[in-house]
PDB file of N, CA and C in Angstrom:
ATOM      1  N   MET A   1      -3.687  53.212  29.570  1.00  0.00           N
ATOM      2  CA  MET A   1      -3.007  52.367  29.223  1.00  0.00           C
ATOM      3  C   MET A   1      -3.918  51.387  27.695  1.00  0.00           C
ATOM      4  N   ASP A   2      -2.850  50.507  27.210  1.00  0.00           N
ATOM      5  CA  ASP A   2      -2.999  50.417  25.646  1.00  0.00           C
ATOM      6  C   ASP A   2      -3.750  48.827  27.075  1.00  0.00           C
ATOM      7  N   GLU A   3      -3.943  47.878  26.592  1.00  0.00           N
ATOM      8  CA  GLU A   3      -4.517  46.754  26.822  1.00  0.00           C
ATOM      9  C   GLU A   3      -3.233  45.371  26.752  1.00  0.00           C
ATOM     10  N   GLU A   4      -2.585  45.565  25.475  1.00  0.00           N
ATOM     11  CA  GLU A   4      -1.022  44.992  25.685  1.00  0.00           C
ATOM     12  C   GLU A   4      -0.453  45.797  26.292  1.00  0.00           C
ATOM     13  N   VAL A   5       0.037  47.016  26.407  1.00  0.00           N
ATOM     14  CA  VAL A   5       0.794  47.262  27.340  1.00  0.00           C
ATOM     15  C   VAL A   5       1.071  46.632  28.434  1.00  0.00           C
ATOM     16  N   ALA A   6      -0.247  46.898  29.274  1.00  0.00           N
ATOM     17  CA  ALA A   6      -1.100  46.666  30.268  1.00  0.00           C
ATOM     18  C   ALA A   6      -0.197  45.015  30.754  1.00  0.00           C
ATOM     19  N   LYS A   7      -0.787  43.947  29.871  1.00  0.00           N
ATOM     20  CA  LYS A   7      -0.818  42.803  29.436  1.00  0.00           C
ATOM     21  C   LYS A   7       0.983  42.470  29.797  1.00  0.00           C
ATOM     22  N   ARG A   8       2.075  43.529  29.208  1.00  0.00           N
ATOM     23  CA  ARG A   8       3.384  43.185  29.338  1.00  0.00           C
ATOM     24  C   ARG A   8       4.058  43.477  30.701  1.00  0.00           C
ATOM     25  N   ARG A   9       3.187  44.575  30.608  1.00  0.00           N
ATOM     26  CA  ARG A   9       3.853  44.992  32.749  1.00  0.00           C
ATOM     27  C   ARG A   9       3.607  44.136  33.672  1.00  0.00           C
ATOM     28  N   ASP A  10       1.635  43.261  33.655  1.00  0.00           N
ATOM     29  CA  ASP A  10       2.348  42.206  34.327  1.00  0.00           C
ATOM     30  C   ASP A  10       2.135  40.835  34.924  1.00  0.00           C
ATOM     31  N   ILE A  11       2.826  40.767  33.132  1.00  0.00           N
ATOM     32  CA  ILE A  11       3.832  39.258  33.299  1.00  0.00           C
ATOM     33  C   ILE A  11       5.555  40.151  33.773  1.00  0.00           C
ATOM     34  N   VAL A  12       5.803  41.397  33.930  1.00  0.00           N
ATOM     35  CA  VAL A  12       6.677  41.395  33.800  1.00  0.00           C
ATOM     36  C   VAL A  12       6.847  41.791  35.640  1.00  0.00           C
ATOM     37  N   ARG A  13       5.810  42.319  35.781  1.00  0.00           N
ATOM     38  CA  ARG A  13       5.966  42.474  37.230  1.00  0.00           C
ATOM     39  C   ARG A  13       5.674  41.026  38.840  1.00  0.00           C
ATOM     40  N   SER A  14       4.851  40.302  38.113  1.00  0.00           N
ATOM     41  CA  SER A  14       4.385  38.596  38.241  1.00  0.00           C
ATOM     42  C   SER A  14       5.764  38.307  38.395  1.00  0.00           C
ATOM     43  N   ASN A  15       6.684  38.530  37.659  1.00  0.00           N
ATOM     44  CA  ASN A  15       7.851  37.873  37.468  1.00  0.00           C
ATOM     45  C   ASN A  15       9.430  38.470  37.347  1.00  0.00           C
ATOM     46  N   PRO A  16       9.986  38.890  38.168  1.00  0.00           N
ATOM     47  CA  PRO A  16      10.883  39.813  38.713  1.00  0.00           C
ATOM     48  C   PRO A  16      12.250  39.108  37.945  1.00  0.00           C
ATOM     49  N   ASN A  17      12.383  38.082  38.625  1.00  0.00           N
ATOM     50  CA  ASN A  17      13.394  37.574  38.711  1.00  0.00           C
ATOM     51  C   ASN A  17      13.721  36.475  37.067  1.00  0.00           C
ATOM     52  N   LEU A  18      13.234  36.541  36.198  1.00  0.00           N
ATOM     53  CA  LEU A  18      13.174  36.569  34.927  1.00  0.00           C
ATOM     54  C   LEU A  18      14.418  37.640  34.209  1.00  0.00           C
ATOM     55  N   SER A  19      14.274  36.964  33.243  1.00  0.00           N
ATOM     56  CA  SER A  19      15.739  37.566  32.819  1.00  0.00           C
ATOM     57  C   SER A  19      15.301  37.927  31.318  1.00  0.00           C
ATOM     58  N   ALA A  20      15.162  38.730  30.818  1.00  0.00           N
ATOM     59  CA  ALA A  20      14.879  39.253  29.598  1.00  0.00           C
ATOM     60  C   ALA A  20      14.789  38.320  28.506  1.00  0.00           C
ATOM     61  N   LYS A  21      15.285  37.380  28.152  1.00  0.00           N
ATOM     62  CA  LYS A  21      15.622  36.340  27.180  1.00  0.00           C
ATOM     63  C   LYS A  21      13.928  35.120  27.759  1.00  0.00           C
ATOM     64  N   GLU A  22      14.457  35.594  28.848  1.00  0.00           N
ATOM     65  CA  GLU A  22      12.703  34.141  29.679  1.00  0.00           C
ATOM     66  C   GLU A  22      11.555  35.317  30.049  1.00  0.00           C
ATOM     67  N   LEU A  23      11.495  36.048  29.306  1.00  0.00           N
ATOM     68  CA  LEU A  23      10.275  36.937  29.233  1.00  0.00           C
ATOM     69  C   LEU A  23       9.899  37.865  28.520  1.00  0.00           C
ATOM     70  N   CYS A  24      10.702  37.389  27.133  1.00  0.00           N
ATOM     71  CA  CYS A  24      10.389  37.397  26.300  1.00  0.00           C
ATOM     72  C   CYS A  24       9.742  36.016  25.275  1.00  0.00           C
ATOM     73  N   GLU A  25      10.243  34.947  25.963  1.00  0.00           N
ATOM     74  CA  GLU A  25       9.852  33.624  25.361  1.00  0.00           C
ATOM     75  C   GLU A  25       8.685  33.240  26.430  1.00  0.00           C
ATOM     76  N   LEU A  26       8.204  33.878  27.929  1.00  0.00           N
ATOM     77  CA  LEU A  26       6.602  34.076  28.111  1.00  0.00           C
ATOM     78  C   LEU A  26       6.122  34.918  27.731  1.00  0.00           C
ATOM     79  N   PHE A  27       6.006  36.393  27.049  1.00  0.00           N
ATOM     80  CA  PHE A  27       5.678  37.434  26.354  1.00  0.00           C
ATOM     81  C   PHE A  27       4.569  35.810  24.743  1.00  0.00           C
ATOM     82  N   ASP A  28       6.076  35.626  24.194  1.00  0.00           N
ATOM     83  CA  ASP A  28       5.529  34.512  22.849  1.00  0.00           C
ATOM     84  C   ASP A  28       4.114  33.943  23.579  1.00  0.00           C
ATOM     85  N   HIS A  29       5.042  33.139  24.595  1.00  0.00           N
ATOM     86  CA  HIS A  29       3.984  31.672  24.534  1.00  0.00           C
ATOM     87  C   HIS A  29       2.723  32.280  25.224  1.00  0.00           C
ATOM     88  N   CYS A  30       2.155  33.500  26.208  1.00  0.00           N
ATOM     89  CA  CYS A  30       0.940  34.181  26.609  1.00  0.00           C
ATOM     90  C   CYS A  30       0.691  35.789  25.128  1.00  0.00           C
ATOM     91  N   GLN A  31       1.046  35.143  24.179  1.00  0.00           N
ATOM     92  CA  GLN A  31       0.589  35.943  23.529  1.00  0.00           C
ATOM     93  C   GLN A  31       0.436  37.134  23.153  1.00  0.00           C
ATOM     94  N   VAL A  32       1.803  38.012  23.332  1.00  0.00           N
ATOM     95  CA  VAL A  32       1.902  39.567  23.661  1.00  0.00           C
ATOM     96  C   VAL A  32       2.823  39.495  22.798  1.00  0.00           C
ATOM     97  N   PRO A  33       1.258  40.515  22.273  1.00  0.00           N
ATOM     98  CA  PRO A  33       2.329  41.315  20.888  1.00  0.00           C
ATOM     99  C   PRO A  33       3.286  42.683  20.814  1.00  0.00           C
ATOM    100  N   VAL A  34       4.383  42.084  20.057  1.00  0.00           N
ATOM    101  CA  VAL A  34       5.748  42.936  19.865  1.00  0.00           C
ATOM    102  C   VAL A  34       4.816  44.662  19.249  1.00  0.00           C
ATOM    103  N   PRO A  35       5.479  45.446  19.873  1.00  0.00           N
ATOM    104  CA  PRO A  35       5.218  47.066  19.596  1.00  0.00           C
ATOM    105  C   PRO A  35       4.741  47.068  17.998  1.00  0.00           C
ATOM    106  N   ARG A  36       3.891  48.170  17.723  1.00  0.00           N
ATOM    107  CA  ARG A  36       3.798  48.288  16.227  1.00  0.00           C
ATOM    108  C   ARG A  36       5.093  48.089  15.790  1.00  0.00           C
ATOM    109  N   ARG A  37       5.465  49.434  15.647  1.00  0.00           N
ATOM    110  CA  ARG A  37       6.047  49.723  14.825  1.00  0.00           C
ATOM    111  C   ARG A  37       7.856  48.755  14.456  1.00  0.00           C
ATOM    112  N   TRP A  38       7.559  47.919  15.667  1.00  0.00           N
ATOM    113  CA  TRP A  38       8.540  46.545  15.030  1.00  0.00           C
ATOM    114  C   TRP A  38       7.554  45.434  14.205  1.00  0.00           C
ATOM    115  N   LYS A  39       6.396  45.660  14.552  1.00  0.00           N
ATOM    116  CA  LYS A  39       5.446  43.913  13.438  1.00  0.00           C
ATOM    117  C   LYS A  39       6.491  45.417  11.727  1.00  0.00           C
ATOM    118  N   ASP A  40       6.404  46.392  11.421  1.00  0.00           N
ATOM    119  CA  ASP A  40       6.683  47.393  10.830  1.00  0.00           C
ATOM    120  C   ASP A  40       7.424  46.690   9.955  1.00  0.00           C
ATOM    121  N   ALA A  41       9.037  46.610  11.086  1.00  0.00           N
ATOM    122  CA  ALA A  41      10.311  45.955  10.594  1.00  0.00           C
ATOM    123  C   ALA A  41      10.950  44.626  10.850  1.00  0.00           C
ATOM    124  N   GLY A  42       9.468  44.075  10.738  1.00  0.00           N
ATOM    125  CA  GLY A  42       9.201  42.521   9.981  1.00  0.00           C
ATOM    126  C   GLY A  42       9.500  41.852  11.182  1.00  0.00           C
ATOM    127  N   ILE A  43       9.260  42.148  12.435  1.00  0.00           N
ATOM    128  CA  ILE A  43       9.381  41.274  13.764  1.00  0.00           C
ATOM    129  C   ILE A  43       8.292  40.913  14.348  1.00  0.00           C
ATOM    130  N   GLU A  44       7.901  39.580  14.270  1.00  0.00           N
ATOM    131  CA  GLU A  44       6.818  39.271  14.607  1.00  0.00           C
ATOM    132  C   GLU A  44       6.639  38.576  16.302  1.00  0.00           C
ATOM    133  N   TRP A  45       7.480  38.019  16.297  1.00  0.00           N
ATOM    134  CA  TRP A  45       7.291  37.877  18.137  1.00  0.00           C
ATOM    135  C   TRP A  45       8.893  38.358  18.817  1.00  0.00           C
ATOM    136  N   TRP A  46       8.587  38.249  20.135  1.00  0.00           N
ATOM    137  CA  TRP A  46       9.518  39.286  20.898  1.00  0.00           C
ATOM    138  C   TRP A  46      10.884  38.265  21.158  1.00  0.00           C
ATOM    139  N   THR A  47      10.779  36.630  21.160  1.00  0.00           N
ATOM    140  CA  THR A  47      11.725  35.707  20.571  1.00  0.00           C
ATOM    141  C   THR A  47      13.169  35.902  19.703  1.00  0.00           C
ATOM    142  N   LYS A  48      12.093  36.685  18.720  1.00  0.00           N
ATOM    143  CA  LYS A  48      12.972  37.039  17.165  1.00  0.00           C
ATOM    144  C   LYS A  48      13.482  38.324  17.399  1.00  0.00           C
ATOM    145  N   ALA A  49      12.671  39.211  18.351  1.00  0.00           N
ATOM    146  CA  ALA A  49      13.488  40.563  18.455  1.00  0.00           C
ATOM    147  C   ALA A  49      14.544  40.566  19.431  1.00  0.00           C
ATOM    148  N   TYR A  50      14.452  39.874  20.190  1.00  0.00           N
ATOM    149  CA  TYR A  50      15.526  39.478  21.228  1.00  0.00           C
ATOM    150  C   TYR A  50      16.915  38.872  20.391  1.00  0.00           C
ATOM    151  N   HIS A  51      16.870  38.203  19.943  1.00  0.00           N
ATOM    152  CA  HIS A  51      18.066  37.191  19.171  1.00  0.00           C
ATOM    153  C   HIS A  51      18.317  37.951  17.496  1.00  0.00           C
ATOM    154  N   GLN A  52      18.005  39.656  17.485  1.00  0.00           N
ATOM    155  CA  GLN A  52      18.321  40.400  16.544  1.00  0.00           C
ATOM    156  C   GLN A  52      19.116  41.580  17.512  1.00  0.00           C
ATOM    157  N   ARG A  53      20.384  41.551  16.913  1.00  0.00           N
ATOM    158  CA  ARG A  53      20.845  42.984  17.332  1.00  0.00           C
ATOM    159  C   ARG A  53      20.184  44.071  17.646  1.00  0.00           C
ATOM    160  N   ARG A  54      20.181  44.597  16.190  1.00  0.00           N
ATOM    161  CA  ARG A  54      19.278  45.649  16.253  1.00  0.00           C
ATOM    162  C   ARG A  54      18.169  45.964  17.298  1.00  0.00           C
ATOM    163  N   PHE A  55      17.071  44.711  17.753  1.00  0.00           N
ATOM    164  CA  PHE A  55      16.063  45.000  18.699  1.00  0.00           C
ATOM    165  C   PHE A  55      16.604  44.765  19.988  1.00  0.00           C
ATOM    166  N   ARG A  56      17.668  43.824  20.409  1.00  0.00           N
ATOM    167  CA  ARG A  56      17.603  43.163  21.741  1.00  0.00           C
ATOM    168  C   ARG A  56      17.122  44.403  22.700  1.00  0.00           C
ATOM    169  N   ASN A  57      18.513  45.557  22.562  1.00  0.00           N
ATOM    170  CA  ASN A  57      18.531  46.786  23.221  1.00  0.00           C
ATOM    171  C   ASN A  57      16.692  47.096  23.584  1.00  0.00           C
ATOM    172  N   ARG A  58      16.546  47.936  22.592  1.00  0.00           N
ATOM    173  CA  ARG A  58      14.951  48.237  22.106  1.00  0.00           C
ATOM    174  C   ARG A  58      14.765  46.854  23.598  1.00  0.00           C
ATOM    175  N   VAL A  59      14.477  45.484  23.115  1.00  0.00           N
ATOM    176  CA  VAL A  59      14.047  44.373  23.932  1.00  0.00           C
ATOM    177  C   VAL A  59      13.582  45.247  25.876  1.00  0.00           C
ATOM    178  N   GLN A  60      15.421  45.012  25.706  1.00  0.00           N
ATOM    179  CA  GLN A  60      16.330  45.300  27.018  1.00  0.00           C
ATOM    180  C   GLN A  60      15.552  46.697  27.859  1.00  0.00           C
ATOM    181  N   ASN A  61      15.755  47.431  27.150  1.00  0.00           N
ATOM    182  CA  ASN A  61      15.069  48.940  27.373  1.00  0.00           C
ATOM    183  C   ASN A  61      13.696  48.818  27.859  1.00  0.00           C
ATOM    184  N   LEU A  62      12.957  48.190  27.015  1.00  0.00           N
ATOM    185  CA  LEU A  62      12.138  47.888  27.924  1.00  0.00           C
ATOM    186  C   LEU A  62      11.234  47.428  28.384  1.00  0.00           C
ATOM    187  N   ILE A  63      11.812  46.524  28.693  1.00  0.00           N
ATOM    188  CA  ILE A  63      11.620  45.361  30.132  1.00  0.00           C
ATOM    189  C   ILE A  63      11.860  46.982  31.151  1.00  0.00           C
ATOM    190  N   SER A  64      13.534  46.741  31.283  1.00  0.00           N
ATOM    191  CA  SER A  64      13.423  47.697  32.157  1.00  0.00           C
ATOM    192  C   SER A  64      12.560  48.593  32.528  1.00  0.00           C
ATOM    193  N   LYS A  65      11.988  49.586  31.671  1.00  0.00           N
ATOM    194  CA  LYS A  65      11.341  50.559  31.765  1.00  0.00           C
ATOM    195  C   LYS A  65      10.317  50.468  32.677  1.00  0.00           C
ATOM    196  N   ASP A  66       9.473  49.032  32.116  1.00  0.00           N
ATOM    197  CA  ASP A  66       8.728  48.400  32.932  1.00  0.00           C
ATOM    198  C   ASP A  66       8.601  47.876  34.112  1.00  0.00           C
ATOM    199  N   ARG A  67       9.961  47.429  34.232  1.00  0.00           N
ATOM    200  CA  ARG A  67       9.975  46.861  35.917  1.00  0.00           C
ATOM    201  C   ARG A  67      10.213  47.967  36.648  1.00  0.00           C
ATOM    202  N   THR A  68      11.046  49.488  36.231  1.00  0.00           N
ATOM    203  CA  THR A  68      10.731  50.753  36.885  1.00  0.00           C
ATOM    204  C   THR A  68       9.294  51.551  37.532  1.00  0.00           C
ATOM    205  N   ARG A  69       9.053  51.395  36.095  1.00  0.00           N
ATOM    206  CA  ARG A  69       7.399  51.558  36.593  1.00  0.00           C
ATOM    207  C   ARG A  69       6.890  50.819  37.568  1.00  0.00           C
ATOM    208  N   GLU A  70       6.902  49.339  37.701  1.00  0.00           N
ATOM    209  CA  GLU A  70       5.889  48.623  38.737  1.00  0.00           C
ATOM    210  C   GLU A  70       6.571  48.782  40.379  1.00  0.00           C
ATOM    211  N   MET A  71       8.104  49.427  40.302  1.00  0.00           N
ATOM    212  CA  MET A  71       8.804  49.402  41.590  1.00  0.00           C
ATOM    213  C   MET A  71       8.302  50.710  42.320  1.00  0.00           C
ATOM    214  N   LYS A  72       7.651  51.457  40.849  1.00  0.00           N
ATOM    215  CA  LYS A  72       7.648  53.131  41.785  1.00  0.00           C
ATOM    216  C   LYS A  72       5.875  53.373  42.441  1.00  0.00           C
ATOM    217  N   PRO A  73       5.383  53.952  43.141  1.00  0.00           N
ATOM    218  CA  PRO A  73       4.589  53.368  44.527  1.00  0.00           C
ATOM    219  C   PRO A  73       2.628  54.399  43.471  1.00  0.00           C
TER     220      PRO A  73
END
């Protein structure tokens, strides 16, 4: 697993009650890079992705998948 993904998932696991917006702020604070494909589209920060309609669903889906993965034994 990619180190960046592991860092993101650890943050999600450690903060189960935070909203997607709050997690994005925490990802930025902890300097978790956005996915490479998003960078190609000009997205450098999680909060920027969250505030753009095109990326908000992607952010929420990614966080949701991370939460689901962490719940599995």
